[in-house]
Amino acid sequence: MEKIEAVNKKICEMRQLLQDLINEKSNLLDPEVIIVSQELDKALNEYNNLLKKVNK
């Protein structure tokens, strides 16, 4: 359960970072925005996989 909570916290932080970057860059195609978005996707996938394991 601690792992799920840690990943959830990471997701919240990454979402805020992504939102701040989007506001700063004003361009969704900025390479930095894309990188952070991809990292957030990875964290969301990890979270989803952890939830699947718990629910089995």
C-alpha atoms as a PDB file:
ATOM      1  CA  MET A   1       0.000   0.000   0.000  1.00  0.00           C
ATOM      2  CA  GLU A   2       2.880   2.373   0.705  1.00  0.00           C
ATOM      3  CA  LYS A   3       4.075   2.008  -2.884  1.00  0.00           C
ATOM      4  CA  ILE A   4       0.639   3.005  -4.190  1.00  0.00           C
ATOM      5  CA  GLU A   5       0.567   6.063  -1.937  1.00  0.00           C
ATOM      6  CA  ALA A   6       4.089   7.040  -3.007  1.00  0.00           C
ATOM      7  CA  VAL A   7       3.220   6.763  -6.698  1.00  0.00           C
ATOM      8  CA  ASN A   8       0.006   8.719  -6.123  1.00  0.00           C
ATOM      9  CA  LYS A   9       1.970  11.505  -4.433  1.00  0.00           C
ATOM     10  CA  LYS A  10       4.447  11.502  -7.325  1.00  0.00           C
ATOM     11  CA  ILE A  11       1.545  11.771  -9.799  1.00  0.00           C
ATOM     12  CA  CYS A  12       0.095  14.774  -7.963  1.00  0.00           C
ATOM     13  CA  GLU A  13       3.468  16.517  -7.975  1.00  0.00           C
ATOM     14  CA  MET A  14       4.049  15.740 -11.645  1.00  0.00           C
ATOM     15  CA  ARG A  15       0.592  17.011 -12.605  1.00  0.00           C
ATOM     16  CA  GLN A  16       1.325  20.307 -10.886  1.00  0.00           C
ATOM     17  CA  LEU A  17       4.723  20.518 -12.579  1.00  0.00           C
ATOM     18  CA  LEU A  18       3.142  19.834 -15.961  1.00  0.00           C
ATOM     19  CA  GLN A  19       0.470  22.474 -15.388  1.00  0.00           C
ATOM     20  CA  ASP A  20       3.103  25.022 -14.355  1.00  0.00           C
ATOM     21  CA  LEU A  21       5.199  24.201 -17.422  1.00  0.00           C
ATOM     22  CA  ILE A  22       2.222  24.545 -19.745  1.00  0.00           C
ATOM     23  CA  ASN A  23       1.419  27.938 -18.236  1.00  0.00           C
ATOM     24  CA  GLU A  24       5.048  29.007 -18.550  1.00  0.00           C
ATOM     25  CA  LYS A  25       5.722  27.709 -22.061  1.00  0.00           C
ATOM     26  CA  SER A  26       2.272  28.313 -23.578  1.00  0.00           C
ATOM     27  CA  ASN A  27       3.076  25.603 -26.112  1.00  0.00           C
ATOM     28  CA  LEU A  28       2.007  21.997 -25.664  1.00  0.00           C
ATOM     29  CA  LEU A  29       4.605  20.929 -28.233  1.00  0.00           C
ATOM     30  CA  ASP A  30       7.529  22.354 -26.269  1.00  0.00           C
ATOM     31  CA  PRO A  31      10.052  19.518 -25.780  1.00  0.00           C
ATOM     32  CA  GLU A  32      10.140  20.048 -22.010  1.00  0.00           C
ATOM     33  CA  VAL A  33       6.341  19.814 -21.774  1.00  0.00           C
ATOM     34  CA  ILE A  34       6.369  16.622 -23.838  1.00  0.00           C
ATOM     35  CA  ILE A  35       9.035  15.015 -21.640  1.00  0.00           C
ATOM     36  CA  VAL A  36       7.175  15.799 -18.414  1.00  0.00           C
ATOM     37  CA  SER A  37       3.921  14.592 -19.958  1.00  0.00           C
ATOM     38  CA  GLN A  38       5.546  11.295 -20.944  1.00  0.00           C
ATOM     39  CA  GLU A  39       6.963  10.864 -17.441  1.00  0.00           C
ATOM     40  CA  LEU A  40       3.506  11.481 -16.001  1.00  0.00           C
ATOM     41  CA  ASP A  41       2.099   8.848 -18.364  1.00  0.00           C
ATOM     42  CA  LYS A  42       4.658   6.340 -17.060  1.00  0.00           C
ATOM     43  CA  ALA A  43       3.726   7.118 -13.457  1.00  0.00           C
ATOM     44  CA  LEU A  44       0.016   6.753 -14.240  1.00  0.00           C
ATOM     45  CA  ASN A  45       0.666   3.387 -15.891  1.00  0.00           C
ATOM     46  CA  GLU A  46       2.677   2.258 -12.879  1.00  0.00           C
ATOM     47  CA  TYR A  47      -0.142   3.339 -10.550  1.00  0.00           C
ATOM     48  CA  ASN A  48      -2.716   1.494 -12.650  1.00  0.00           C
ATOM     49  CA  ASN A  49      -0.601  -1.679 -12.655  1.00  0.00           C
ATOM     50  CA  LEU A  50      -0.197  -1.522  -8.877  1.00  0.00           C
ATOM     51  CA  LEU A  51      -3.960  -1.169  -8.440  1.00  0.00           C
ATOM     52  CA  LYS A  52      -4.564  -4.174 -10.695  1.00  0.00           C
ATOM     53  CA  LYS A  53      -2.241  -6.289  -8.534  1.00  0.00           C
ATOM     54  CA  VAL A  54      -4.022  -5.218  -5.346  1.00  0.00           C
ATOM     55  CA  ASN A  55      -7.463  -5.953  -6.787  1.00  0.00           C
ATOM     56  CA  LYS A  56      -6.577  -9.513  -7.893  1.00  0.00           C
END
